[in-house]
Amino acid sequence: MDELILNKMSLVVTTRCNLKCRLCDEFIPQNKPFPDMTPAEEARILEALFQVVDHVNLLHLSGGGEPFLNSYLADMIHTAFHYGSRFDRLMVFTNSTIPVADKLLDALTQHRDRIIVHASNYGLAPERSEALYQVLRDHGVNLR
């Protein structure tokens, strides 16, 4: 039987957001957020996923909101890498308005060879965005 490979898989780690974008395609300003995903929930999802899928090219830790608001995000990165042989790259999203916590920066740095931080820039807090980009670049984290 042929291997089942997914190009990408996204896990919504939070629907909380610090922005109130009027045209939010996730309807975050209008809807009550769901509870943040925990590392245990992530592990159960990944375990189930990899029972039916052989490999994922790009695993996303994303959100309908701002993933950097999930206090478990660093732990979730480590949890994902328990399955590191089953995916090529991990992408973490941010709206670039939340400073990177030390624990999260450590996780991003530890796995920097296989992590991409996809940083959106809405132009709302350019000084915060630039500070975030600089910290990530200084630590060798792949930034898009």
C-alpha atoms as a PDB file:
ATOM      1  CA  MET A   1       0.000   0.000   0.000  1.00  0.00           C
ATOM      2  CA  ASP A   2       1.199   3.518  -0.782  1.00  0.00           C
ATOM      3  CA  GLU A   3       2.288   5.872   1.936  1.00  0.00           C
ATOM      4  CA  LEU A   4      -0.280   8.506   2.906  1.00  0.00           C
ATOM      5  CA  ILE A   5       1.423  11.898   2.985  1.00  0.00           C
ATOM      6  CA  LEU A   6      -0.303  15.178   3.800  1.00  0.00           C
ATOM      7  CA  ASN A   7       1.146  18.404   2.485  1.00  0.00           C
ATOM      8  CA  LYS A   8       0.060  20.253   5.635  1.00  0.00           C
ATOM      9  CA  MET A   9      -1.915  19.818   8.814  1.00  0.00           C
ATOM     10  CA  SER A  10      -3.038  22.614  11.121  1.00  0.00           C
ATOM     11  CA  LEU A  11      -3.796  22.462  14.816  1.00  0.00           C
ATOM     12  CA  VAL A  12      -5.748  25.432  16.152  1.00  0.00           C
ATOM     13  CA  VAL A  13      -4.011  26.051  19.471  1.00  0.00           C
ATOM     14  CA  THR A  14      -6.123  29.060  20.465  1.00  0.00           C
ATOM     15  CA  THR A  15      -8.984  31.183  19.258  1.00  0.00           C
ATOM     16  CA  ARG A  16      -8.119  34.023  21.639  1.00  0.00           C
ATOM     17  CA  CYS A  17      -6.732  37.144  20.023  1.00  0.00           C
ATOM     18  CA  ASN A  18      -5.445  40.480  21.224  1.00  0.00           C
ATOM     19  CA  LEU A  19      -6.642  42.220  18.041  1.00  0.00           C
ATOM     20  CA  LYS A  20     -10.171  43.108  16.991  1.00  0.00           C
ATOM     21  CA  CYS A  21      -9.811  43.101  13.223  1.00  0.00           C
ATOM     22  CA  ARG A  22     -13.135  44.098  11.713  1.00  0.00           C
ATOM     23  CA  LEU A  23     -12.679  41.810   8.725  1.00  0.00           C
ATOM     24  CA  CYS A  24     -11.287  38.838  10.659  1.00  0.00           C
ATOM     25  CA  ASP A  25     -11.923  35.731   8.583  1.00  0.00           C
ATOM     26  CA  GLU A  26     -12.099  33.694  11.800  1.00  0.00           C
ATOM     27  CA  PHE A  27     -14.827  35.961  13.238  1.00  0.00           C
ATOM     28  CA  ILE A  28     -12.793  36.265  16.431  1.00  0.00           C
ATOM     29  CA  PRO A  29     -14.257  39.623  17.503  1.00  0.00           C
ATOM     30  CA  GLN A  30     -17.799  38.246  17.202  1.00  0.00           C
ATOM     31  CA  ASN A  31     -17.389  34.820  18.792  1.00  0.00           C
ATOM     32  CA  LYS A  32     -16.522  33.656  22.277  1.00  0.00           C
ATOM     33  CA  PRO A  33     -13.110  31.927  22.228  1.00  0.00           C
ATOM     34  CA  PHE A  34     -12.763  28.198  22.745  1.00  0.00           C
ATOM     35  CA  PRO A  35     -10.421  27.020  25.503  1.00  0.00           C
ATOM     36  CA  ASP A  36      -6.771  26.884  24.484  1.00  0.00           C
ATOM     37  CA  MET A  37      -5.445  23.534  23.343  1.00  0.00           C
ATOM     38  CA  THR A  38      -3.201  21.799  25.880  1.00  0.00           C
ATOM     39  CA  PRO A  39      -0.131  19.659  25.167  1.00  0.00           C
ATOM     40  CA  ALA A  40      -2.098  16.570  26.241  1.00  0.00           C
ATOM     41  CA  GLU A  41      -4.847  17.356  23.726  1.00  0.00           C
ATOM     42  CA  GLU A  42      -2.239  18.004  21.043  1.00  0.00           C
ATOM     43  CA  ALA A  43      -0.577  14.644  21.793  1.00  0.00           C
ATOM     44  CA  ARG A  44      -3.911  12.806  21.485  1.00  0.00           C
ATOM     45  CA  ILE A  45      -4.614  14.499  18.138  1.00  0.00           C
ATOM     46  CA  LEU A  46      -1.140  13.790  16.773  1.00  0.00           C
ATOM     47  CA  GLU A  47      -1.274  10.189  17.964  1.00  0.00           C
ATOM     48  CA  ALA A  48      -4.602   9.702  16.167  1.00  0.00           C
ATOM     49  CA  LEU A  49      -3.344  11.527  13.075  1.00  0.00           C
ATOM     50  CA  PHE A  50      -0.245   9.394  12.741  1.00  0.00           C
ATOM     51  CA  GLN A  51      -2.260   6.201  13.075  1.00  0.00           C
ATOM     52  CA  VAL A  52      -3.797   6.987   9.679  1.00  0.00           C
ATOM     53  CA  VAL A  53      -1.238   9.312   8.055  1.00  0.00           C
ATOM     54  CA  ASP A  54       2.345   8.289   7.447  1.00  0.00           C
ATOM     55  CA  HIS A  55       3.898  11.714   7.072  1.00  0.00           C
ATOM     56  CA  VAL A  56       3.079  15.437   7.075  1.00  0.00           C
ATOM     57  CA  ASN A  57       5.273  17.838   5.147  1.00  0.00           C
ATOM     58  CA  LEU A  58       4.307  20.942   7.133  1.00  0.00           C
ATOM     59  CA  LEU A  59       2.681  20.857  10.575  1.00  0.00           C
ATOM     60  CA  HIS A  60       1.089  24.147  11.666  1.00  0.00           C
ATOM     61  CA  LEU A  61       0.509  25.325  15.202  1.00  0.00           C
ATOM     62  CA  SER A  62      -1.875  28.071  14.299  1.00  0.00           C
ATOM     63  CA  GLY A  63      -4.919  29.717  15.639  1.00  0.00           C
ATOM     64  CA  GLY A  64      -8.096  31.370  14.804  1.00  0.00           C
ATOM     65  CA  GLY A  65      -6.449  33.806  17.180  1.00  0.00           C
ATOM     66  CA  GLU A  66      -2.911  34.596  18.326  1.00  0.00           C
ATOM     67  CA  PRO A  67      -0.937  31.412  19.158  1.00  0.00           C
ATOM     68  CA  PHE A  68       1.575  33.348  21.293  1.00  0.00           C
ATOM     69  CA  LEU A  69      -1.299  33.874  23.786  1.00  0.00           C
ATOM     70  CA  ASN A  70      -1.411  30.147  24.508  1.00  0.00           C
ATOM     71  CA  SER A  71       0.762  29.749  27.612  1.00  0.00           C
ATOM     72  CA  TYR A  72       1.412  26.112  26.620  1.00  0.00           C
ATOM     73  CA  LEU A  73       2.857  26.934  23.191  1.00  0.00           C
ATOM     74  CA  ALA A  74       6.465  26.147  24.140  1.00  0.00           C
ATOM     75  CA  ASP A  75       5.397  22.797  25.585  1.00  0.00           C
ATOM     76  CA  MET A  76       3.307  22.158  22.472  1.00  0.00           C
ATOM     77  CA  ILE A  77       6.354  22.678  20.273  1.00  0.00           C
ATOM     78  CA  HIS A  78       8.229  20.064  22.304  1.00  0.00           C
ATOM     79  CA  THR A  79       5.212  17.728  22.167  1.00  0.00           C
ATOM     80  CA  ALA A  80       5.081  18.070  18.384  1.00  0.00           C
ATOM     81  CA  PHE A  81       8.738  17.068  18.169  1.00  0.00           C
ATOM     82  CA  HIS A  82       7.958  13.791  19.947  1.00  0.00           C
ATOM     83  CA  TYR A  83       6.543  13.011  16.494  1.00  0.00           C
ATOM     84  CA  GLY A  84       9.408  14.763  14.708  1.00  0.00           C
ATOM     85  CA  SER A  85      10.194  11.804  12.479  1.00  0.00           C
ATOM     86  CA  ARG A  86       6.661  12.044  11.084  1.00  0.00           C
ATOM     87  CA  PHE A  87       6.817  15.613   9.749  1.00  0.00           C
ATOM     88  CA  ASP A  88       9.383  17.760   7.945  1.00  0.00           C
ATOM     89  CA  ARG A  89       8.798  21.287   9.263  1.00  0.00           C
ATOM     90  CA  LEU A  90       6.795  22.934  12.008  1.00  0.00           C
ATOM     91  CA  MET A  91       5.266  26.354  11.369  1.00  0.00           C
ATOM     92  CA  VAL A  92       4.149  28.599  14.220  1.00  0.00           C
ATOM     93  CA  PHE A  93       2.036  31.652  13.473  1.00  0.00           C
ATOM     94  CA  THR A  94       1.940  35.055  15.161  1.00  0.00           C
ATOM     95  CA  ASN A  95       0.393  38.448  14.498  1.00  0.00           C
ATOM     96  CA  SER A  96       3.705  39.969  15.694  1.00  0.00           C
ATOM     97  CA  THR A  97       2.185  42.012  18.520  1.00  0.00           C
ATOM     98  CA  ILE A  98       3.018  39.744  21.483  1.00  0.00           C
ATOM     99  CA  PRO A  99       6.609  39.628  22.772  1.00  0.00           C
ATOM    100  CA  VAL A 100       8.098  36.154  22.704  1.00  0.00           C
ATOM    101  CA  ALA A 101       8.265  34.660  26.205  1.00  0.00           C
ATOM    102  CA  ASP A 102      11.624  33.239  27.321  1.00  0.00           C
ATOM    103  CA  LYS A 103      10.298  29.679  27.496  1.00  0.00           C
ATOM    104  CA  LEU A 104       8.851  29.973  23.989  1.00  0.00           C
ATOM    105  CA  LEU A 105      12.069  31.490  22.649  1.00  0.00           C
ATOM    106  CA  ASP A 106      14.001  28.553  24.135  1.00  0.00           C
ATOM    107  CA  ALA A 107      11.691  26.070  22.357  1.00  0.00           C
ATOM    108  CA  LEU A 108      11.930  27.939  19.054  1.00  0.00           C
ATOM    109  CA  THR A 109      15.699  28.120  19.366  1.00  0.00           C
ATOM    110  CA  GLN A 110      16.075  24.462  20.326  1.00  0.00           C
ATOM    111  CA  HIS A 111      14.175  23.327  17.220  1.00  0.00           C
ATOM    112  CA  ARG A 112      15.161  26.214  14.921  1.00  0.00           C
ATOM    113  CA  ASP A 113      16.449  23.915  12.170  1.00  0.00           C
ATOM    114  CA  ARG A 114      12.918  22.665  11.554  1.00  0.00           C
ATOM    115  CA  ILE A 115      10.729  25.578  12.694  1.00  0.00           C
ATOM    116  CA  ILE A 116       9.392  28.487  10.698  1.00  0.00           C
ATOM    117  CA  VAL A 117       7.737  31.402  12.499  1.00  0.00           C
ATOM    118  CA  HIS A 118       5.186  32.945  10.147  1.00  0.00           C
ATOM    119  CA  ALA A 119       4.828  36.508  11.363  1.00  0.00           C
ATOM    120  CA  SER A 120       1.997  38.627  10.033  1.00  0.00           C
ATOM    121  CA  ASN A 121       2.423  42.362  10.158  1.00  0.00           C
ATOM    122  CA  TYR A 122      -0.776  44.364  10.346  1.00  0.00           C
ATOM    123  CA  GLY A 123       1.104  47.610  10.961  1.00  0.00           C
ATOM    124  CA  LEU A 124      -0.654  48.145  14.294  1.00  0.00           C
ATOM    125  CA  ALA A 125       2.394  47.989  16.553  1.00  0.00           C
ATOM    126  CA  PRO A 126       5.460  48.392  14.344  1.00  0.00           C
ATOM    127  CA  GLU A 127       7.856  48.814  17.273  1.00  0.00           C
ATOM    128  CA  ARG A 128       6.635  45.568  18.875  1.00  0.00           C
ATOM    129  CA  SER A 129       6.774  43.751  15.541  1.00  0.00           C
ATOM    130  CA  GLU A 130      10.323  44.907  14.840  1.00  0.00           C
ATOM    131  CA  ALA A 131      11.433  43.970  18.367  1.00  0.00           C
ATOM    132  CA  LEU A 132       9.968  40.477  17.910  1.00  0.00           C
ATOM    133  CA  TYR A 133      11.618  40.037  14.508  1.00  0.00           C
ATOM    134  CA  GLN A 134      14.971  41.157  15.897  1.00  0.00           C
ATOM    135  CA  VAL A 135      14.833  38.737  18.837  1.00  0.00           C
ATOM    136  CA  LEU A 136      13.949  35.841  16.543  1.00  0.00           C
ATOM    137  CA  ARG A 137      16.667  36.750  14.028  1.00  0.00           C
ATOM    138  CA  ASP A 138      19.234  37.139  16.850  1.00  0.00           C
ATOM    139  CA  HIS A 139      18.442  33.561  17.920  1.00  0.00           C
ATOM    140  CA  GLY A 140      18.619  32.130  14.397  1.00  0.00           C
ATOM    141  CA  VAL A 141      14.907  31.351  14.186  1.00  0.00           C
ATOM    142  CA  ASN A 142      13.614  31.058  10.615  1.00  0.00           C
ATOM    143  CA  LEU A 143      11.211  33.989  10.167  1.00  0.00           C
ATOM    144  CA  ARG A 144       8.729  34.572   7.369  1.00  0.00           C
END
